[in-house]
Amino acid sequence: MNEPIIDPATAGDQAMCKPEALIDVAGRLSKDLLPRLDAARFKVPDLPPGAAGDWDIAAGYSDTVRRAREATGDSLQFVLEQVQRVIDDLVATADTVRGADERAAGAVPRTG
């Protein structure tokens, strides 16, 4: 199990961010999770036309299955969008930290 870099019980106001770690997580999510979610949207099975029969109850069942498949696809699309937002936020945070580090390094007076 990964142990935290900073013990929350003793950290106080201390915070640490390693941009490389954020970029690594964003990369793994982009490479491993996003393609699987995207592919899953198209793997949700549907009943072939007429598979349930042509009587009233069967037609209603077939329509219910169709709506459930569409709702599942919509849900997967929503999850895909949320994961992409997390990835974008991780990258933006890493960029912000890097920029702040660069500005802080430039603000420190050099001696010598």
PDB file of N, CA and C in Angstrom:
ATOM      1  N   MET A   1       0.850  -1.185   0.000  1.00  0.00           N
ATOM      2  CA  MET A   1       0.000   0.000   0.000  1.00  0.00           C
ATOM      3  C   MET A   1       0.885   1.234   0.000  1.00  0.00           C
ATOM      4  N   ASN A   2       0.483   2.257  -0.740  1.00  0.00           N
ATOM      5  CA  ASN A   2       1.257   3.490  -0.791  1.00  0.00           C
ATOM      6  C   ASN A   2       1.051   4.280   0.477  1.00  0.00           C
ATOM      7  N   GLU A   3       2.166   4.629   1.113  1.00  0.00           N
ATOM      8  CA  GLU A   3       2.083   5.447   2.309  1.00  0.00           C
ATOM      9  C   GLU A   3       2.123   6.913   1.884  1.00  0.00           C
ATOM     10  N   PRO A   4       1.391   7.770   2.589  1.00  0.00           N
ATOM     11  CA  PRO A   4       1.411   9.184   2.218  1.00  0.00           C
ATOM     12  C   PRO A   4       2.800   9.780   2.435  1.00  0.00           C
ATOM     13  N   ILE A   5       3.148  10.748   1.578  1.00  0.00           N
ATOM     14  CA  ILE A   5       4.424  11.431   1.725  1.00  0.00           C
ATOM     15  C   ILE A   5       4.431  12.251   3.005  1.00  0.00           C
ATOM     16  N   ILE A   6       3.291  12.829   3.308  1.00  0.00           N
ATOM     17  CA  ILE A   6       3.150  13.639   4.514  1.00  0.00           C
ATOM     18  C   ILE A   6       2.105  12.980   5.399  1.00  0.00           C
ATOM     19  N   ASP A   7       2.430  12.785   6.665  1.00  0.00           N
ATOM     20  CA  ASP A   7       1.478  12.216   7.618  1.00  0.00           C
ATOM     21  C   ASP A   7       0.434  13.281   7.934  1.00  0.00           C
ATOM     22  N   PRO A   8      -0.832  13.066   7.575  1.00  0.00           N
ATOM     23  CA  PRO A   8      -1.857  14.089   7.807  1.00  0.00           C
ATOM     24  C   PRO A   8      -1.990  14.489   9.270  1.00  0.00           C
ATOM     25  N   ALA A   9      -1.687  13.585  10.179  1.00  0.00           N
ATOM     26  CA  ALA A   9      -1.831  13.893  11.603  1.00  0.00           C
ATOM     27  C   ALA A   9      -0.794  14.918  12.061  1.00  0.00           C
ATOM     28  N   THR A  10       0.346  14.987  11.394  1.00  0.00           N
ATOM     29  CA  THR A  10       1.410  15.893  11.825  1.00  0.00           C
ATOM     30  C   THR A  10       1.709  16.982  10.809  1.00  0.00           C
ATOM     31  N   ALA A  11       0.981  17.024   9.721  1.00  0.00           N
ATOM     32  CA  ALA A  11       1.313  17.942   8.635  1.00  0.00           C
ATOM     33  C   ALA A  11       1.003  19.400   8.943  1.00  0.00           C
ATOM     34  N   GLY A  12      -0.031  19.668   9.718  1.00  0.00           N
ATOM     35  CA  GLY A  12      -0.417  21.054   9.955  1.00  0.00           C
ATOM     36  C   GLY A  12      -0.817  21.713   8.660  1.00  0.00           C
ATOM     37  N   ASP A  13      -0.178  22.842   8.346  1.00  0.00           N
ATOM     38  CA  ASP A  13      -0.486  23.586   7.120  1.00  0.00           C
ATOM     39  C   ASP A  13       0.435  23.213   5.963  1.00  0.00           C
ATOM     40  N   GLN A  14       1.222  22.185   6.139  1.00  0.00           N
ATOM     41  CA  GLN A  14       2.182  21.780   5.123  1.00  0.00           C
ATOM     42  C   GLN A  14       1.479  21.047   3.976  1.00  0.00           C
ATOM     43  N   ALA A  15       1.872  21.344   2.787  1.00  0.00           N
ATOM     44  CA  ALA A  15       1.341  20.650   1.613  1.00  0.00           C
ATOM     45  C   ALA A  15       2.486  20.423   0.634  1.00  0.00           C
ATOM     46  N   MET A  16       2.416  19.333  -0.095  1.00  0.00           N
ATOM     47  CA  MET A  16       3.454  19.029  -1.066  1.00  0.00           C
ATOM     48  C   MET A  16       2.785  18.505  -2.331  1.00  0.00           C
ATOM     49  N   CYS A  17       3.310  18.918  -3.447  1.00  0.00           N
ATOM     50  CA  CYS A  17       2.783  18.436  -4.717  1.00  0.00           C
ATOM     51  C   CYS A  17       3.958  18.111  -5.617  1.00  0.00           C
ATOM     52  N   LYS A  18       3.967  16.907  -6.140  1.00  0.00           N
ATOM     53  CA  LYS A  18       4.995  16.505  -7.082  1.00  0.00           C
ATOM     54  C   LYS A  18       4.354  16.476  -8.464  1.00  0.00           C
ATOM     55  N   PRO A  19       4.662  17.479  -9.298  1.00  0.00           N
ATOM     56  CA  PRO A  19       4.027  17.549 -10.614  1.00  0.00           C
ATOM     57  C   PRO A  19       4.228  16.276 -11.432  1.00  0.00           C
ATOM     58  N   GLU A  20       5.388  15.658 -11.311  1.00  0.00           N
ATOM     59  CA  GLU A  20       5.654  14.446 -12.082  1.00  0.00           C
ATOM     60  C   GLU A  20       4.667  13.330 -11.714  1.00  0.00           C
ATOM     61  N   ALA A  21       4.315  13.259 -10.430  1.00  0.00           N
ATOM     62  CA  ALA A  21       3.359  12.237  -9.988  1.00  0.00           C
ATOM     63  C   ALA A  21       1.979  12.503 -10.591  1.00  0.00           C
ATOM     64  N   LEU A  22       1.583  13.773 -10.639  1.00  0.00           N
ATOM     65  CA  LEU A  22       0.284  14.118 -11.225  1.00  0.00           C
ATOM     66  C   LEU A  22       0.263  13.803 -12.715  1.00  0.00           C
ATOM     67  N   ILE A  23       1.331  14.146 -13.408  1.00  0.00           N
ATOM     68  CA  ILE A  23       1.425  13.864 -14.842  1.00  0.00           C
ATOM     69  C   ILE A  23       1.414  12.358 -15.088  1.00  0.00           C
ATOM     70  N   ASP A  24       2.084  11.612 -14.217  1.00  0.00           N
ATOM     71  CA  ASP A  24       2.113  10.146 -14.348  1.00  0.00           C
ATOM     72  C   ASP A  24       0.708   9.563 -14.206  1.00  0.00           C
ATOM     73  N   VAL A  25      -0.031  10.015 -13.200  1.00  0.00           N
ATOM     74  CA  VAL A  25      -1.403   9.519 -12.995  1.00  0.00           C
ATOM     75  C   VAL A  25      -2.283   9.912 -14.183  1.00  0.00           C
ATOM     76  N   ALA A  26      -2.161  11.153 -14.642  1.00  0.00           N
ATOM     77  CA  ALA A  26      -2.957  11.601 -15.793  1.00  0.00           C
ATOM     78  C   ALA A  26      -2.642  10.762 -17.026  1.00  0.00           C
ATOM     79  N   GLY A  27      -1.370  10.457 -17.216  1.00  0.00           N
ATOM     80  CA  GLY A  27      -0.975   9.635 -18.362  1.00  0.00           C
ATOM     81  C   GLY A  27      -1.536   8.233 -18.293  1.00  0.00           C
ATOM     82  N   ARG A  28      -1.486   7.645 -17.099  1.00  0.00           N
ATOM     83  CA  ARG A  28      -2.025   6.286 -16.954  1.00  0.00           C
ATOM     84  C   ARG A  28      -3.527   6.258 -17.155  1.00  0.00           C
ATOM     85  N   LEU A  29      -4.226   7.268 -16.641  1.00  0.00           N
ATOM     86  CA  LEU A  29      -5.681   7.333 -16.856  1.00  0.00           C
ATOM     87  C   LEU A  29      -5.990   7.481 -18.343  1.00  0.00           C
ATOM     88  N   SER A  30      -5.229   8.337 -19.015  1.00  0.00           N
ATOM     89  CA  SER A  30      -5.449   8.545 -20.456  1.00  0.00           C
ATOM     90  C   SER A  30      -5.162   7.286 -21.255  1.00  0.00           C
ATOM     91  N   LYS A  31      -4.117   6.598 -20.883  1.00  0.00           N
ATOM     92  CA  LYS A  31      -3.685   5.433 -21.655  1.00  0.00           C
ATOM     93  C   LYS A  31      -4.497   4.180 -21.328  1.00  0.00           C
ATOM     94  N   ASP A  32      -4.801   3.973 -20.054  1.00  0.00           N
ATOM     95  CA  ASP A  32      -5.422   2.722 -19.636  1.00  0.00           C
ATOM     96  C   ASP A  32      -6.938   2.791 -19.474  1.00  0.00           C
ATOM     97  N   LEU A  33      -7.435   3.863 -18.896  1.00  0.00           N
ATOM     98  CA  LEU A  33      -8.858   3.908 -18.553  1.00  0.00           C
ATOM     99  C   LEU A  33      -9.735   4.507 -19.660  1.00  0.00           C
ATOM    100  N   LEU A  34      -9.331   5.640 -20.207  1.00  0.00           N
ATOM    101  CA  LEU A  34     -10.174   6.287 -21.217  1.00  0.00           C
ATOM    102  C   LEU A  34     -10.512   5.380 -22.403  1.00  0.00           C
ATOM    103  N   PRO A  35      -9.528   4.684 -22.990  1.00  0.00           N
ATOM    104  CA  PRO A  35      -9.882   3.821 -24.128  1.00  0.00           C
ATOM    105  C   PRO A  35     -10.848   2.702 -23.746  1.00  0.00           C
ATOM    106  N   ARG A  36     -10.706   2.163 -22.544  1.00  0.00           N
ATOM    107  CA  ARG A  36     -11.606   1.089 -22.118  1.00  0.00           C
ATOM    108  C   ARG A  36     -13.022   1.608 -21.913  1.00  0.00           C
ATOM    109  N   LEU A  37     -13.149   2.799 -21.327  1.00  0.00           N
ATOM    110  CA  LEU A  37     -14.483   3.387 -21.156  1.00  0.00           C
ATOM    111  C   LEU A  37     -15.120   3.694 -22.504  1.00  0.00           C
ATOM    112  N   ASP A  38     -14.324   4.246 -23.404  1.00  0.00           N
ATOM    113  CA  ASP A  38     -14.846   4.577 -24.723  1.00  0.00           C
ATOM    114  C   ASP A  38     -15.303   3.316 -25.458  1.00  0.00           C
ATOM    115  N   ALA A  39     -14.502   2.273 -25.388  1.00  0.00           N
ATOM    116  CA  ALA A  39     -14.864   1.018 -26.055  1.00  0.00           C
ATOM    117  C   ALA A  39     -16.101   0.383 -25.419  1.00  0.00           C
ATOM    118  N   ALA A  40     -16.239   0.524 -24.111  1.00  0.00           N
ATOM    119  CA  ALA A  40     -17.374  -0.085 -23.412  1.00  0.00           C
ATOM    120  C   ALA A  40     -18.707   0.492 -23.881  1.00  0.00           C
ATOM    121  N   ARG A  41     -18.697   1.764 -24.277  1.00  0.00           N
ATOM    122  CA  ARG A  41     -19.947   2.376 -24.760  1.00  0.00           C
ATOM    123  C   ARG A  41     -20.516   1.621 -25.951  1.00  0.00           C
ATOM    124  N   PHE A  42     -19.650   1.042 -26.758  1.00  0.00           N
ATOM    125  CA  PHE A  42     -20.091   0.373 -27.983  1.00  0.00           C
ATOM    126  C   PHE A  42     -20.239  -1.139 -27.811  1.00  0.00           C
ATOM    127  N   LYS A  43     -19.993  -1.620 -26.602  1.00  0.00           N
ATOM    128  CA  LYS A  43     -20.103  -3.052 -26.355  1.00  0.00           C
ATOM    129  C   LYS A  43     -21.361  -3.415 -25.569  1.00  0.00           C
ATOM    130  N   VAL A  44     -22.192  -2.433 -25.281  1.00  0.00           N
ATOM    131  CA  VAL A  44     -23.423  -2.703 -24.547  1.00  0.00           C
ATOM    132  C   VAL A  44     -24.365  -3.425 -25.504  1.00  0.00           C
ATOM    133  N   PRO A  45     -24.746  -4.644 -25.156  1.00  0.00           N
ATOM    134  CA  PRO A  45     -25.569  -5.431 -26.095  1.00  0.00           C
ATOM    135  C   PRO A  45     -26.986  -4.876 -26.230  1.00  0.00           C
ATOM    136  N   ASP A  46     -27.573  -5.179 -27.342  1.00  0.00           N
ATOM    137  CA  ASP A  46     -28.947  -4.778 -27.624  1.00  0.00           C
ATOM    138  C   ASP A  46     -29.678  -6.009 -28.161  1.00  0.00           C
ATOM    139  N   LEU A  47     -30.971  -6.016 -28.034  1.00  0.00           N
ATOM    140  CA  LEU A  47     -31.754  -7.100 -28.618  1.00  0.00           C
ATOM    141  C   LEU A  47     -31.889  -6.865 -30.116  1.00  0.00           C
ATOM    142  N   PRO A  48     -31.645  -7.852 -30.904  1.00  0.00           N
ATOM    143  CA  PRO A  48     -31.893  -7.691 -32.341  1.00  0.00           C
ATOM    144  C   PRO A  48     -33.386  -7.463 -32.572  1.00  0.00           C
ATOM    145  N   PRO A  49     -33.728  -6.723 -33.617  1.00  0.00           N
ATOM    146  CA  PRO A  49     -35.151  -6.486 -33.901  1.00  0.00           C
ATOM    147  C   PRO A  49     -35.925  -7.807 -33.979  1.00  0.00           C
ATOM    148  N   GLY A  50     -37.049  -7.836 -33.304  1.00  0.00           N
ATOM    149  CA  GLY A  50     -37.908  -9.008 -33.321  1.00  0.00           C
ATOM    150  C   GLY A  50     -37.472 -10.137 -32.410  1.00  0.00           C
ATOM    151  N   ALA A  51     -36.353  -9.994 -31.693  1.00  0.00           N
ATOM    152  CA  ALA A  51     -35.838 -11.082 -30.854  1.00  0.00           C
ATOM    153  C   ALA A  51     -36.803 -11.441 -29.726  1.00  0.00           C
ATOM    154  N   ALA A  52     -37.518 -10.448 -29.211  1.00  0.00           N
ATOM    155  CA  ALA A  52     -38.433 -10.720 -28.098  1.00  0.00           C
ATOM    156  C   ALA A  52     -39.800 -11.186 -28.573  1.00  0.00           C
ATOM    157  N   GLY A  53     -40.030 -11.123 -29.839  1.00  0.00           N
ATOM    158  CA  GLY A  53     -41.342 -11.513 -30.378  1.00  0.00           C
ATOM    159  C   GLY A  53     -42.125 -10.291 -30.795  1.00  0.00           C
ATOM    160  N   ASP A  54     -43.331 -10.526 -31.296  1.00  0.00           N
ATOM    161  CA  ASP A  54     -44.098  -9.387 -31.794  1.00  0.00           C
ATOM    162  C   ASP A  54     -45.377  -9.139 -31.001  1.00  0.00           C
ATOM    163  N   TRP A  55     -45.591  -9.841 -29.924  1.00  0.00           N
ATOM    164  CA  TRP A  55     -46.773  -9.583 -29.117  1.00  0.00           C
ATOM    165  C   TRP A  55     -46.522  -8.389 -28.203  1.00  0.00           C
ATOM    166  N   ASP A  56     -47.545  -7.793 -27.640  1.00  0.00           N
ATOM    167  CA  ASP A  56     -47.482  -6.525 -26.906  1.00  0.00           C
ATOM    168  C   ASP A  56     -46.447  -6.529 -25.783  1.00  0.00           C
ATOM    169  N   ILE A  57     -46.490  -7.526 -24.942  1.00  0.00           N
ATOM    170  CA  ILE A  57     -45.580  -7.569 -23.789  1.00  0.00           C
ATOM    171  C   ILE A  57     -44.134  -7.698 -24.264  1.00  0.00           C
ATOM    172  N   ALA A  58     -43.898  -8.506 -25.269  1.00  0.00           N
ATOM    173  CA  ALA A  58     -42.541  -8.669 -25.803  1.00  0.00           C
ATOM    174  C   ALA A  58     -42.044  -7.365 -26.413  1.00  0.00           C
ATOM    175  N   ALA A  59     -42.924  -6.655 -27.125  1.00  0.00           N
ATOM    176  CA  ALA A  59     -42.533  -5.384 -27.724  1.00  0.00           C
ATOM    177  C   ALA A  59     -42.189  -4.369 -26.632  1.00  0.00           C
ATOM    178  N   GLY A  60     -42.949  -4.361 -25.550  1.00  0.00           N
ATOM    179  CA  GLY A  60     -42.660  -3.480 -24.411  1.00  0.00           C
ATOM    180  C   GLY A  60     -41.333  -3.832 -23.766  1.00  0.00           C
ATOM    181  N   TYR A  61     -41.068  -5.124 -23.632  1.00  0.00           N
ATOM    182  CA  TYR A  61     -39.805  -5.584 -23.060  1.00  0.00           C
ATOM    183  C   TYR A  61     -38.645  -5.146 -23.960  1.00  0.00           C
ATOM    184  N   SER A  62     -38.810  -5.301 -25.233  1.00  0.00           N
ATOM    185  CA  SER A  62     -37.772  -4.915 -26.189  1.00  0.00           C
ATOM    186  C   SER A  62     -37.490  -3.418 -26.102  1.00  0.00           C
ATOM    187  N   ASP A  63     -38.537  -2.612 -25.960  1.00  0.00           N
ATOM    188  CA  ASP A  63     -38.366  -1.167 -25.831  1.00  0.00           C
ATOM    189  C   ASP A  63     -37.649  -0.814 -24.527  1.00  0.00           C
ATOM    190  N   THR A  64     -37.971  -1.537 -23.457  1.00  0.00           N
ATOM    191  CA  THR A  64     -37.297  -1.318 -22.175  1.00  0.00           C
ATOM    192  C   THR A  64     -35.810  -1.634 -22.282  1.00  0.00           C
ATOM    193  N   VAL A  65     -35.486  -2.717 -22.949  1.00  0.00           N
ATOM    194  CA  VAL A  65     -34.086  -3.090 -23.142  1.00  0.00           C
ATOM    195  C   VAL A  65     -33.369  -2.017 -23.964  1.00  0.00           C
ATOM    196  N   ARG A  66     -34.007  -1.512 -24.984  1.00  0.00           N
ATOM    197  CA  ARG A  66     -33.407  -0.465 -25.813  1.00  0.00           C
ATOM    198  C   ARG A  66     -33.126   0.794 -24.998  1.00  0.00           C
ATOM    199  N   ARG A  67     -34.116   1.211 -24.199  1.00  0.00           N
ATOM    200  CA  ARG A  67     -33.923   2.402 -23.355  1.00  0.00           C
ATOM    201  C   ARG A  67     -32.821   2.178 -22.328  1.00  0.00           C
ATOM    202  N   ALA A  68     -32.751   0.985 -21.762  1.00  0.00           N
ATOM    203  CA  ALA A  68     -31.697   0.673 -20.788  1.00  0.00           C
ATOM    204  C   ALA A  68     -30.317   0.721 -21.446  1.00  0.00           C
ATOM    205  N   ARG A  69     -30.222   0.194 -22.669  1.00  0.00           N
ATOM    206  CA  ARG A  69     -28.947   0.240 -23.397  1.00  0.00           C
ATOM    207  C   ARG A  69     -28.549   1.685 -23.667  1.00  0.00           C
ATOM    208  N   GLU A  70     -29.486   2.503 -24.103  1.00  0.00           N
ATOM    209  CA  GLU A  70     -29.197   3.915 -24.364  1.00  0.00           C
ATOM    210  C   GLU A  70     -28.773   4.635 -23.083  1.00  0.00           C
ATOM    211  N   ALA A  71     -29.465   4.364 -21.981  1.00  0.00           N
ATOM    212  CA  ALA A  71     -29.115   4.998 -20.707  1.00  0.00           C
ATOM    213  C   ALA A  71     -27.729   4.555 -20.236  1.00  0.00           C
ATOM    214  N   THR A  72     -27.404   3.298 -20.447  1.00  0.00           N
ATOM    215  CA  THR A  72     -26.075   2.799 -20.075  1.00  0.00           C
ATOM    216  C   THR A  72     -25.005   3.481 -20.915  1.00  0.00           C
ATOM    217  N   GLY A  73     -25.246   3.620 -22.201  1.00  0.00           N
ATOM    218  CA  GLY A  73     -24.307   4.329 -23.072  1.00  0.00           C
ATOM    219  C   GLY A  73     -24.135   5.780 -22.655  1.00  0.00           C
ATOM    220  N   ASP A  74     -25.234   6.439 -22.315  1.00  0.00           N
ATOM    221  CA  ASP A  74     -25.167   7.830 -21.851  1.00  0.00           C
ATOM    222  C   ASP A  74     -24.385   7.936 -20.547  1.00  0.00           C
ATOM    223  N   SER A  75     -24.605   6.979 -19.646  1.00  0.00           N
ATOM    224  CA  SER A  75     -23.876   6.979 -18.368  1.00  0.00           C
ATOM    225  C   SER A  75     -22.386   6.782 -18.582  1.00  0.00           C
ATOM    226  N   LEU A  76     -22.039   5.875 -19.469  1.00  0.00           N
ATOM    227  CA  LEU A  76     -20.619   5.656 -19.775  1.00  0.00           C
ATOM    228  C   LEU A  76     -20.005   6.908 -20.401  1.00  0.00           C
ATOM    229  N   GLN A  77     -20.743   7.590 -21.250  1.00  0.00           N
ATOM    230  CA  GLN A  77     -20.248   8.842 -21.842  1.00  0.00           C
ATOM    231  C   GLN A  77     -20.011   9.880 -20.755  1.00  0.00           C
ATOM    232  N   PHE A  78     -20.937   9.975 -19.794  1.00  0.00           N
ATOM    233  CA  PHE A  78     -20.785  10.921 -18.688  1.00  0.00           C
ATOM    234  C   PHE A  78     -19.534  10.595 -17.873  1.00  0.00           C
ATOM    235  N   VAL A  79     -19.339   9.324 -17.552  1.00  0.00           N
ATOM    236  CA  VAL A  79     -18.154   8.912 -16.793  1.00  0.00           C
ATOM    237  C   VAL A  79     -16.885   9.237 -17.583  1.00  0.00           C
ATOM    238  N   LEU A  80     -16.903   8.968 -18.866  1.00  0.00           N
ATOM    239  CA  LEU A  80     -15.765   9.281 -19.728  1.00  0.00           C
ATOM    240  C   LEU A  80     -15.425  10.774 -19.661  1.00  0.00           C
ATOM    241  N   GLU A  81     -16.434  11.617 -19.729  1.00  0.00           N
ATOM    242  CA  GLU A  81     -16.223  13.064 -19.647  1.00  0.00           C
ATOM    243  C   GLU A  81     -15.672  13.478 -18.284  1.00  0.00           C
ATOM    244  N   GLN A  82     -16.161  12.856 -17.225  1.00  0.00           N
ATOM    245  CA  GLN A  82     -15.676  13.191 -15.882  1.00  0.00           C
ATOM    246  C   GLN A  82     -14.224  12.761 -15.696  1.00  0.00           C
ATOM    247  N   VAL A  83     -13.873  11.592 -16.194  1.00  0.00           N
ATOM    248  CA  VAL A  83     -12.485  11.127 -16.104  1.00  0.00           C
ATOM    249  C   VAL A  83     -11.585  12.079 -16.901  1.00  0.00           C
ATOM    250  N   GLN A  84     -12.052  12.518 -18.057  1.00  0.00           N
ATOM    251  CA  GLN A  84     -11.262  13.475 -18.843  1.00  0.00           C
ATOM    252  C   GLN A  84     -11.073  14.776 -18.071  1.00  0.00           C
ATOM    253  N   ARG A  85     -12.089  15.217 -17.364  1.00  0.00           N
ATOM    254  CA  ARG A  85     -11.964  16.430 -16.534  1.00  0.00           C
ATOM    255  C   ARG A  85     -10.927  16.234 -15.442  1.00  0.00           C
ATOM    256  N   VAL A  86     -10.918  15.063 -14.812  1.00  0.00           N
ATOM    257  CA  VAL A  86      -9.920  14.769 -13.777  1.00  0.00           C
ATOM    258  C   VAL A  86      -8.521  14.818 -14.386  1.00  0.00           C
ATOM    259  N   ILE A  87      -8.357  14.215 -15.551  1.00  0.00           N
ATOM    260  CA  ILE A  87      -7.062  14.224 -16.235  1.00  0.00           C
ATOM    261  C   ILE A  87      -6.633  15.661 -16.529  1.00  0.00           C
ATOM    262  N   ASP A  88      -7.537  16.443 -17.078  1.00  0.00           N
ATOM    263  CA  ASP A  88      -7.233  17.843 -17.388  1.00  0.00           C
ATOM    264  C   ASP A  88      -6.859  18.619 -16.127  1.00  0.00           C
ATOM    265  N   ASP A  89      -7.574  18.372 -15.031  1.00  0.00           N
ATOM    266  CA  ASP A  89      -7.278  19.043 -13.759  1.00  0.00           C
ATOM    267  C   ASP A  89      -5.915  18.630 -13.213  1.00  0.00           C
ATOM    268  N   LEU A  90      -5.572  17.352 -13.333  1.00  0.00           N
ATOM    269  CA  LEU A  90      -4.253  16.896 -12.876  1.00  0.00           C
ATOM    270  C   LEU A  90      -3.137  17.597 -13.649  1.00  0.00           C
ATOM    271  N   VAL A  91      -3.290  17.672 -14.959  1.00  0.00           N
ATOM    272  CA  VAL A  91      -2.275  18.319 -15.795  1.00  0.00           C
ATOM    273  C   VAL A  91      -2.202  19.811 -15.470  1.00  0.00           C
ATOM    274  N   ALA A  92      -3.348  20.460 -15.314  1.00  0.00           N
ATOM    275  CA  ALA A  92      -3.368  21.891 -15.000  1.00  0.00           C
ATOM    276  C   ALA A  92      -2.714  22.161 -13.642  1.00  0.00           C
ATOM    277  N   THR A  93      -2.989  21.312 -12.672  1.00  0.00           N
ATOM    278  CA  THR A  93      -2.373  21.478 -11.355  1.00  0.00           C
ATOM    279  C   THR A  93      -0.871  21.296 -11.439  1.00  0.00           C
ATOM    280  N   ALA A  94      -0.424  20.293 -12.162  1.00  0.00           N
ATOM    281  CA  ALA A  94       1.013  20.069 -12.334  1.00  0.00           C
ATOM    282  C   ALA A  94       1.657  21.285 -12.997  1.00  0.00           C
ATOM    283  N   ASP A  95       1.012  21.833 -14.031  1.00  0.00           N
ATOM    284  CA  ASP A  95       1.545  23.011 -14.711  1.00  0.00           C
ATOM    285  C   ASP A  95       1.604  24.218 -13.780  1.00  0.00           C
ATOM    286  N   THR A  96       0.574  24.377 -12.959  1.00  0.00           N
ATOM    287  CA  THR A  96       0.543  25.484 -12.001  1.00  0.00           C
ATOM    288  C   THR A  96       1.675  25.359 -10.990  1.00  0.00           C
ATOM    289  N   VAL A  97       1.874  24.170 -10.485  1.00  0.00           N
ATOM    290  CA  VAL A  97       2.948  23.943  -9.505  1.00  0.00           C
ATOM    291  C   VAL A  97       4.308  24.198 -10.140  1.00  0.00           C
ATOM    292  N   ARG A  98       4.493  23.690 -11.340  1.00  0.00           N
ATOM    293  CA  ARG A  98       5.771  23.925 -12.034  1.00  0.00           C
ATOM    294  C   ARG A  98       6.004  25.422 -12.236  1.00  0.00           C
ATOM    295  N   GLY A  99       4.970  26.125 -12.662  1.00  0.00           N
ATOM    296  CA  GLY A  99       5.099  27.574 -12.862  1.00  0.00           C
ATOM    297  C   GLY A  99       5.423  28.297 -11.568  1.00  0.00           C
ATOM    298  N   ALA A 100       4.766  27.910 -10.486  1.00  0.00           N
ATOM    299  CA  ALA A 100       5.028  28.533  -9.189  1.00  0.00           C
ATOM    300  C   ALA A 100       6.453  28.236  -8.740  1.00  0.00           C
ATOM    301  N   ASP A 101       6.908  27.012  -8.957  1.00  0.00           N
ATOM    302  CA  ASP A 101       8.286  26.656  -8.593  1.00  0.00           C
ATOM    303  C   ASP A 101       9.286  27.486  -9.392  1.00  0.00           C
ATOM    304  N   GLU A 102       9.005  27.657 -10.681  1.00  0.00           N
ATOM    305  CA  GLU A 102       9.911  28.442 -11.519  1.00  0.00           C
ATOM    306  C   GLU A 102       9.927  29.908 -11.090  1.00  0.00           C
ATOM    307  N   ARG A 103       8.742  30.445 -10.776  1.00  0.00           N
ATOM    308  CA  ARG A 103       8.686  31.833 -10.316  1.00  0.00           C
ATOM    309  C   ARG A 103       9.401  31.986  -8.974  1.00  0.00           C
ATOM    310  N   ALA A 104       9.208  31.018  -8.083  1.00  0.00           N
ATOM    311  CA  ALA A 104       9.866  31.088  -6.777  1.00  0.00           C
ATOM    312  C   ALA A 104      11.390  30.970  -6.931  1.00  0.00           C
ATOM    313  N   ALA A 105      11.834  30.127  -7.803  1.00  0.00           N
ATOM    314  CA  ALA A 105      13.266  29.970  -8.027  1.00  0.00           C
ATOM    315  C   ALA A 105      13.866  31.246  -8.602  1.00  0.00           C
ATOM    316  N   GLY A 106      13.111  31.951  -9.447  1.00  0.00           N
ATOM    317  CA  GLY A 106      13.598  33.190 -10.031  1.00  0.00           C
ATOM    318  C   GLY A 106      13.556  34.351  -9.062  1.00  0.00           C
ATOM    319  N   ALA A 107      12.722  34.265  -8.029  1.00  0.00           N
ATOM    320  CA  ALA A 107      12.579  35.345  -7.069  1.00  0.00           C
ATOM    321  C   ALA A 107      13.621  35.290  -5.962  1.00  0.00           C
ATOM    322  N   VAL A 108      14.269  34.166  -5.814  1.00  0.00           N
ATOM    323  CA  VAL A 108      15.256  34.033  -4.742  1.00  0.00           C
ATOM    324  C   VAL A 108      16.526  34.759  -5.156  1.00  0.00           C
ATOM    325  N   PRO A 109      16.985  35.698  -4.325  1.00  0.00           N
ATOM    326  CA  PRO A 109      18.208  36.396  -4.673  1.00  0.00           C
ATOM    327  C   PRO A 109      19.407  35.437  -4.680  1.00  0.00           C
ATOM    328  N   ARG A 110      20.217  35.608  -5.668  1.00  0.00           N
ATOM    329  CA  ARG A 110      21.393  34.739  -5.794  1.00  0.00           C
ATOM    330  C   ARG A 110      22.592  35.459  -5.197  1.00  0.00           C
ATOM    331  N   THR A 111      23.346  34.698  -4.476  1.00  0.00           N
ATOM    332  CA  THR A 111      24.584  35.251  -3.925  1.00  0.00           C
ATOM    333  C   THR A 111      25.758  34.581  -4.573  1.00  0.00           C
ATOM    334  N   GLY A 112      26.850  35.268  -4.559  1.00  0.00           N
ATOM    335  CA  GLY A 112      28.033  34.589  -5.067  1.00  0.00           C
ATOM    336  C   GLY A 112      28.601  35.298  -6.152  1.00  0.00           C
TER     337      GLY A 112
END
